[in-house]
Amino acid sequence: MIDASMLLHMISALDTLEKLIPGDDAGEYAVKKREWEALKKACWAEYRARERGMGV
């Protein structure tokens, strides 16, 4: 099971990937960036849900 710290590590890794990949708005990089952004949003949503569940 993925814990909260792992979610934060994934978010950080996705941020790093976005910074390393060229800012191309077309082609394969654009598709990957959209996928990473969607994954990052899902990670943040899961992290927030867990924090609310813990009463933090």
PDB file of N, CA and C in Angstrom:
ATOM      1  N   MET A   1       0.838  -1.179   0.000  1.00  0.00           N
ATOM      2  CA  MET A   1       0.000   0.000   0.000  1.00  0.00           C
ATOM      3  C   MET A   1       0.884   1.245   0.000  1.00  0.00           C
ATOM      4  N   ILE A   2       0.449   2.249  -0.691  1.00  0.00           N
ATOM      5  CA  ILE A   2       1.203   3.495  -0.795  1.00  0.00           C
ATOM      6  C   ILE A   2       0.827   4.399   0.372  1.00  0.00           C
ATOM      7  N   ASP A   3       1.838   4.873   1.108  1.00  0.00           N
ATOM      8  CA  ASP A   3       1.555   5.774   2.222  1.00  0.00           C
ATOM      9  C   ASP A   3       1.716   7.227   1.777  1.00  0.00           C
ATOM     10  N   ALA A   4       1.404   8.153   2.684  1.00  0.00           N
ATOM     11  CA  ALA A   4       1.411   9.579   2.354  1.00  0.00           C
ATOM     12  C   ALA A   4       2.789  10.061   1.908  1.00  0.00           C
ATOM     13  N   SER A   5       3.844   9.582   2.555  1.00  0.00           N
ATOM     14  CA  SER A   5       5.185  10.037   2.162  1.00  0.00           C
ATOM     15  C   SER A   5       5.537   9.570   0.750  1.00  0.00           C
ATOM     16  N   MET A   6       5.074   8.390   0.373  1.00  0.00           N
ATOM     17  CA  MET A   6       5.323   7.906  -0.990  1.00  0.00           C
ATOM     18  C   MET A   6       4.573   8.760  -2.010  1.00  0.00           C
ATOM     19  N   LEU A   7       3.361   9.190  -1.666  1.00  0.00           N
ATOM     20  CA  LEU A   7       2.612  10.075  -2.559  1.00  0.00           C
ATOM     21  C   LEU A   7       3.374  11.380  -2.772  1.00  0.00           C
ATOM     22  N   LEU A   8       3.924  11.937  -1.704  1.00  0.00           N
ATOM     23  CA  LEU A   8       4.695  13.175  -1.830  1.00  0.00           C
ATOM     24  C   LEU A   8       5.950  12.966  -2.670  1.00  0.00           C
ATOM     25  N   HIS A   9       6.596  11.825  -2.540  1.00  0.00           N
ATOM     26  CA  HIS A   9       7.771  11.518  -3.364  1.00  0.00           C
ATOM     27  C   HIS A   9       7.382  11.403  -4.838  1.00  0.00           C
ATOM     28  N   MET A  10       6.243  10.791  -5.115  1.00  0.00           N
ATOM     29  CA  MET A  10       5.790  10.678  -6.511  1.00  0.00           C
ATOM     30  C   MET A  10       5.487  12.052  -7.092  1.00  0.00           C
ATOM     31  N   ILE A  11       4.842  12.904  -6.318  1.00  0.00           N
ATOM     32  CA  ILE A  11       4.536  14.258  -6.782  1.00  0.00           C
ATOM     33  C   ILE A  11       5.827  15.007  -7.088  1.00  0.00           C
ATOM     34  N   SER A  12       6.798  14.896  -6.201  1.00  0.00           N
ATOM     35  CA  SER A  12       8.087  15.549  -6.408  1.00  0.00           C
ATOM     36  C   SER A  12       8.783  15.025  -7.664  1.00  0.00           C
ATOM     37  N   ALA A  13       8.752  13.717  -7.854  1.00  0.00           N
ATOM     38  CA  ALA A  13       9.376  13.120  -9.039  1.00  0.00           C
ATOM     39  C   ALA A  13       8.690  13.598 -10.312  1.00  0.00           C
ATOM     40  N   LEU A  14       7.369  13.693 -10.291  1.00  0.00           N
ATOM     41  CA  LEU A  14       6.640  14.172 -11.466  1.00  0.00           C
ATOM     42  C   LEU A  14       6.976  15.630 -11.749  1.00  0.00           C
ATOM     43  N   ASP A  15       7.113  16.453 -10.712  1.00  0.00           N
ATOM     44  CA  ASP A  15       7.537  17.844 -10.901  1.00  0.00           C
ATOM     45  C   ASP A  15       8.902  17.904 -11.571  1.00  0.00           C
ATOM     46  N   THR A  16       9.818  17.061 -11.119  1.00  0.00           N
ATOM     47  CA  THR A  16      11.161  17.026 -11.688  1.00  0.00           C
ATOM     48  C   THR A  16      11.123  16.618 -13.154  1.00  0.00           C
ATOM     49  N   LEU A  17      10.345  15.597 -13.475  1.00  0.00           N
ATOM     50  CA  LEU A  17      10.225  15.168 -14.870  1.00  0.00           C
ATOM     51  C   LEU A  17       9.709  16.293 -15.752  1.00  0.00           C
ATOM     52  N   GLU A  18       8.699  17.011 -15.266  1.00  0.00           N
ATOM     53  CA  GLU A  18       8.135  18.109 -16.047  1.00  0.00           C
ATOM     54  C   GLU A  18       9.174  19.187 -16.324  1.00  0.00           C
ATOM     55  N   LYS A  19      10.070  19.422 -15.377  1.00  0.00           N
ATOM     56  CA  LYS A  19      11.103  20.443 -15.552  1.00  0.00           C
ATOM     57  C   LYS A  19      12.206  19.982 -16.501  1.00  0.00           C
ATOM     58  N   LEU A  20      12.471  18.684 -16.538  1.00  0.00           N
ATOM     59  CA  LEU A  20      13.560  18.162 -17.361  1.00  0.00           C
ATOM     60  C   LEU A  20      13.188  18.011 -18.831  1.00  0.00           C
ATOM     61  N   ILE A  21      11.910  17.781 -19.097  1.00  0.00           N
ATOM     62  CA  ILE A  21      11.455  17.542 -20.468  1.00  0.00           C
ATOM     63  C   ILE A  21      11.234  18.883 -21.162  1.00  0.00           C
ATOM     64  N   PRO A  22      11.612  18.984 -22.427  1.00  0.00           N
ATOM     65  CA  PRO A  22      11.436  20.237 -23.165  1.00  0.00           C
ATOM     66  C   PRO A  22       9.996  20.739 -23.100  1.00  0.00           C
ATOM     67  N   GLY A  23       9.837  22.057 -23.169  1.00  0.00           N
ATOM     68  CA  GLY A  23       8.528  22.691 -23.080  1.00  0.00           C
ATOM     69  C   GLY A  23       7.712  22.593 -24.349  1.00  0.00           C
ATOM     70  N   ASP A  24       7.932  21.579 -25.135  1.00  0.00           N
ATOM     71  CA  ASP A  24       7.238  21.359 -26.400  1.00  0.00           C
ATOM     72  C   ASP A  24       5.749  21.122 -26.159  1.00  0.00           C
ATOM     73  N   ASP A  25       4.884  21.900 -26.828  1.00  0.00           N
ATOM     74  CA  ASP A  25       3.436  21.736 -26.676  1.00  0.00           C
ATOM     75  C   ASP A  25       2.855  20.731 -27.655  1.00  0.00           C
ATOM     76  N   ALA A  26       3.677  20.115 -28.445  1.00  0.00           N
ATOM     77  CA  ALA A  26       3.195  19.138 -29.426  1.00  0.00           C
ATOM     78  C   ALA A  26       4.069  17.892 -29.353  1.00  0.00           C
ATOM     79  N   GLY A  27       3.551  16.831 -29.910  1.00  0.00           N
ATOM     80  CA  GLY A  27       4.333  15.608 -29.987  1.00  0.00           C
ATOM     81  C   GLY A  27       4.258  14.754 -28.741  1.00  0.00           C
ATOM     82  N   GLU A  28       5.177  13.795 -28.678  1.00  0.00           N
ATOM     83  CA  GLU A  28       5.150  12.809 -27.599  1.00  0.00           C
ATOM     84  C   GLU A  28       5.398  13.420 -26.225  1.00  0.00           C
ATOM     85  N   TYR A  29       6.209  14.468 -26.146  1.00  0.00           N
ATOM     86  CA  TYR A  29       6.474  15.092 -24.853  1.00  0.00           C
ATOM     87  C   TYR A  29       5.217  15.729 -24.281  1.00  0.00           C
ATOM     88  N   ALA A  30       4.421  16.345 -25.133  1.00  0.00           N
ATOM     89  CA  ALA A  30       3.176  16.966 -24.678  1.00  0.00           C
ATOM     90  C   ALA A  30       2.228  15.922 -24.112  1.00  0.00           C
ATOM     91  N   VAL A  31       2.156  14.773 -24.753  1.00  0.00           N
ATOM     92  CA  VAL A  31       1.297  13.689 -24.267  1.00  0.00           C
ATOM     93  C   VAL A  31       1.780  13.223 -22.904  1.00  0.00           C
ATOM     94  N   LYS A  32       3.071  13.020 -22.769  1.00  0.00           N
ATOM     95  CA  LYS A  32       3.638  12.577 -21.489  1.00  0.00           C
ATOM     96  C   LYS A  32       3.382  13.609 -20.393  1.00  0.00           C
ATOM     97  N   LYS A  33       3.580  14.887 -20.719  1.00  0.00           N
ATOM     98  CA  LYS A  33       3.361  15.925 -19.719  1.00  0.00           C
ATOM     99  C   LYS A  33       1.911  15.945 -19.253  1.00  0.00           C
ATOM    100  N   ARG A  34       0.970  15.744 -20.160  1.00  0.00           N
ATOM    101  CA  ARG A  34      -0.447  15.694 -19.769  1.00  0.00           C
ATOM    102  C   ARG A  34      -0.709  14.484 -18.881  1.00  0.00           C
ATOM    103  N   GLU A  35      -0.106  13.358 -19.217  1.00  0.00           N
ATOM    104  CA  GLU A  35      -0.259  12.157 -18.384  1.00  0.00           C
ATOM    105  C   GLU A  35       0.321  12.391 -16.991  1.00  0.00           C
ATOM    106  N   TRP A  36       1.497  13.000 -16.923  1.00  0.00           N
ATOM    107  CA  TRP A  36       2.130  13.257 -15.639  1.00  0.00           C
ATOM    108  C   TRP A  36       1.301  14.234 -14.813  1.00  0.00           C
ATOM    109  N   GLU A  37       0.753  15.253 -15.468  1.00  0.00           N
ATOM    110  CA  GLU A  37      -0.070  16.232 -14.755  1.00  0.00           C
ATOM    111  C   GLU A  37      -1.315  15.564 -14.179  1.00  0.00           C
ATOM    112  N   ALA A  38      -1.941  14.690 -14.943  1.00  0.00           N
ATOM    113  CA  ALA A  38      -3.119  13.965 -14.450  1.00  0.00           C
ATOM    114  C   ALA A  38      -2.743  13.068 -13.269  1.00  0.00           C
ATOM    115  N   LEU A  39      -1.613  12.401 -13.367  1.00  0.00           N
ATOM    116  CA  LEU A  39      -1.155  11.541 -12.276  1.00  0.00           C
ATOM    117  C   LEU A  39      -0.838  12.364 -11.029  1.00  0.00           C
ATOM    118  N   LYS A  40      -0.206  13.520 -11.237  1.00  0.00           N
ATOM    119  CA  LYS A  40       0.127  14.386 -10.109  1.00  0.00           C
ATOM    120  C   LYS A  40      -1.145  14.883  -9.411  1.00  0.00           C
ATOM    121  N   LYS A  41      -2.157  15.249 -10.182  1.00  0.00           N
ATOM    122  CA  LYS A  41      -3.429  15.683  -9.591  1.00  0.00           C
ATOM    123  C   LYS A  41      -4.071  14.553  -8.798  1.00  0.00           C
ATOM    124  N   ALA A  42      -4.006  13.348  -9.317  1.00  0.00           N
ATOM    125  CA  ALA A  42      -4.568  12.194  -8.607  1.00  0.00           C
ATOM    126  C   ALA A  42      -3.803  11.935  -7.308  1.00  0.00           C
ATOM    127  N   CYS A  43      -2.488  12.069  -7.346  1.00  0.00           N
ATOM    128  CA  CYS A  43      -1.675  11.879  -6.137  1.00  0.00           C
ATOM    129  C   CYS A  43      -2.025  12.929  -5.086  1.00  0.00           C
ATOM    130  N   TRP A  44      -2.167  14.188  -5.521  1.00  0.00           N
ATOM    131  CA  TRP A  44      -2.528  15.241  -4.575  1.00  0.00           C
ATOM    132  C   TRP A  44      -3.903  14.988  -3.975  1.00  0.00           C
ATOM    133  N   ALA A  45      -4.843  14.571  -4.793  1.00  0.00           N
ATOM    134  CA  ALA A  45      -6.194  14.292  -4.298  1.00  0.00           C
ATOM    135  C   ALA A  45      -6.167  13.171  -3.265  1.00  0.00           C
ATOM    136  N   GLU A  46      -5.421  12.131  -3.543  1.00  0.00           N
ATOM    137  CA  GLU A  46      -5.305  11.011  -2.603  1.00  0.00           C
ATOM    138  C   GLU A  46      -4.616  11.458  -1.317  1.00  0.00           C
ATOM    139  N   TYR A  47      -3.572  12.251  -1.446  1.00  0.00           N
ATOM    140  CA  TYR A  47      -2.854  12.742  -0.269  1.00  0.00           C
ATOM    141  C   TYR A  47      -3.778  13.575   0.618  1.00  0.00           C
ATOM    142  N   ARG A  48      -4.514  14.505   0.003  1.00  0.00           N
ATOM    143  CA  ARG A  48      -5.437  15.350   0.770  1.00  0.00           C
ATOM    144  C   ARG A  48      -6.526  14.525   1.437  1.00  0.00           C
ATOM    145  N   ALA A  49      -7.045  13.538   0.738  1.00  0.00           N
ATOM    146  CA  ALA A  49      -8.081  12.674   1.308  1.00  0.00           C
ATOM    147  C   ALA A  49      -7.551  11.932   2.530  1.00  0.00           C
ATOM    148  N   ARG A  50      -6.334  11.466   2.449  1.00  0.00           N
ATOM    149  CA  ARG A  50      -5.743  10.748   3.589  1.00  0.00           C
ATOM    150  C   ARG A  50      -5.500  11.687   4.763  1.00  0.00           C
ATOM    151  N   GLU A  51      -5.052  12.903   4.463  1.00  0.00           N
ATOM    152  CA  GLU A  51      -4.810  13.870   5.529  1.00  0.00           C
ATOM    153  C   GLU A  51      -6.120  14.233   6.227  1.00  0.00           C
ATOM    154  N   ARG A  52      -7.191  14.406   5.468  1.00  0.00           N
ATOM    155  CA  ARG A  52      -8.494  14.700   6.070  1.00  0.00           C
ATOM    156  C   ARG A  52      -8.969  13.528   6.911  1.00  0.00           C
ATOM    157  N   GLY A  53      -8.731  12.327   6.429  1.00  0.00           N
ATOM    158  CA  GLY A  53      -9.136  11.130   7.154  1.00  0.00           C
ATOM    159  C   GLY A  53      -8.406  10.959   8.471  1.00  0.00           C
ATOM    160  N   MET A  54      -7.203  11.526   8.541  1.00  0.00           N
ATOM    161  CA  MET A  54      -6.409  11.416   9.766  1.00  0.00           C
ATOM    162  C   MET A  54      -6.698  12.576  10.715  1.00  0.00           C
ATOM    163  N   GLY A  55      -7.528  13.523  10.266  1.00  0.00           N
ATOM    164  CA  GLY A  55      -7.866  14.661  11.112  1.00  0.00           C
ATOM    165  C   GLY A  55      -6.786  15.707  11.211  1.00  0.00           C
ATOM    166  N   VAL A  56      -5.916  15.750  10.203  1.00  0.00           N
ATOM    167  CA  VAL A  56      -4.806  16.713  10.217  1.00  0.00           C
ATOM    168  C   VAL A  56      -5.233  17.966   9.511  1.00  0.00           C
TER     169      VAL A  56
END
